[in-house]
Protein backbone atom coordinates (compact mmCIF):
# COMPACT_ATOMS: atom_id res chain seq x y z
CA MET A 1 32.65 14.81 9.38
CA PRO A 2 33.45 12.47 11.89
CA TYR A 3 32.93 9.60 9.45
CA SER A 4 34.62 10.72 6.31
CA HIS A 5 37.44 8.31 6.65
CA LEU A 6 35.17 5.14 6.73
CA LYS A 7 33.07 3.37 3.85
CA PHE A 8 29.72 1.97 4.23
CA GLY A 9 27.37 -0.47 2.63
CA CYS A 10 23.89 -1.62 3.48
CA GLU A 11 21.37 -4.39 2.37
CA PHE A 12 17.77 -4.48 2.29
CA GLU A 13 15.87 -7.57 2.24
CA PHE A 14 11.94 -7.61 1.31
CA TYR A 15 9.27 -9.35 -0.57
CA PRO A 16 8.20 -7.16 -3.31
CA ASN A 17 4.69 -6.53 -4.80
CA GLU A 18 5.36 -7.93 -8.12
CA MET A 19 2.95 -5.49 -9.72
CA LEU A 20 5.08 -2.82 -8.56
CA GLU A 21 8.54 -4.43 -8.84
CA ASP A 22 9.25 -2.82 -12.48
CA GLU A 23 8.47 0.67 -10.99
CA MET A 24 10.41 0.17 -8.09
CA ILE A 25 13.45 -0.91 -9.90
CA ASP A 26 13.03 2.28 -12.19
CA ALA A 27 13.00 4.46 -8.99
CA LEU A 28 15.96 2.81 -7.63
CA GLY A 29 17.76 3.77 -10.96
CA ASP A 30 16.77 7.20 -10.49
CA ILE A 31 18.41 7.82 -7.27
CA LEU A 32 21.91 6.59 -8.06
CA LYS A 33 24.73 8.89 -8.92
CA GLU A 34 25.74 8.99 -12.53
CA GLU A 35 28.55 6.78 -12.41
CA THR A 36 26.77 4.10 -10.39
CA GLU A 37 24.37 1.29 -12.05
CA LEU A 38 21.76 -0.78 -10.83
CA LYS A 39 22.81 -4.41 -11.56
CA LYS A 40 20.11 -6.97 -11.50
CA ASN A 41 20.41 -10.79 -10.76
CA LEU A 42 24.23 -11.06 -10.59
CA GLN A 43 25.54 -14.26 -8.54
CA SER A 44 27.64 -11.97 -6.26
CA ASN A 45 27.44 -8.19 -5.46
CA ASP A 46 29.20 -5.67 -7.52
CA ASP A 47 30.50 -3.54 -4.66
CA ASN A 48 30.76 -0.24 -6.78
CA ASN A 49 27.08 -0.30 -7.86
CA MET A 50 23.69 -0.93 -6.52
CA ASN A 51 22.60 -4.67 -6.80
CA TYR A 52 19.26 -6.09 -7.01
CA LYS A 53 18.83 -9.89 -6.69
CA ASN A 54 17.00 -12.91 -5.45
CA GLU A 55 17.44 -13.47 -1.57
CA PRO A 56 17.50 -17.26 -0.81
CA SER A 57 17.75 -16.75 3.00
CA LEU A 58 14.10 -15.37 3.12
CA SER A 59 11.73 -18.08 3.89
CA ALA A 60 9.02 -17.32 1.43
CA MET A 61 9.39 -17.48 -2.36
CA GLY A 62 9.90 -14.34 -3.98
CA GLY A 63 12.26 -12.72 -1.46
CA LYS A 64 14.51 -9.82 -2.84
CA GLU A 65 17.91 -7.97 -1.71
CA ILE A 66 19.09 -4.42 -2.68
CA THR A 67 22.65 -3.76 -1.65
CA THR A 68 23.99 -0.28 -1.90
CA PRO A 69 27.47 0.35 -3.34
CA ILE A 70 30.41 0.73 -0.93
CA CYS A 71 29.86 4.64 -0.21
CA THR A 72 30.55 7.52 2.18
CA TYR A 73 28.33 8.10 5.25
CA GLU A 74 26.59 10.96 3.28
CA ASP A 75 25.80 8.71 0.41
CA LEU A 76 24.64 5.85 2.59
CA GLN A 77 22.05 8.35 4.18
CA SER A 78 20.71 9.14 0.86
CA TYR A 79 20.24 5.45 -0.16
CA ILE A 80 18.70 4.61 3.17
């Protein structure tokens, strides 16, 4: 694979529907590898795990961010 020597990470910023937020968090936990956790509301990202937290750069209240762990190209595709 041409990207096997590289590591990747990605962040997604969005405004969740508050009624569905808990379901979304559960679904995120379901796609993670066994050794990876979903960390919530940390002050800084844990690069070995998926992170879910408030995103102050979004202009409206309630903006959130999900960051993936630092991972392989193949794993990044599954997170996206």
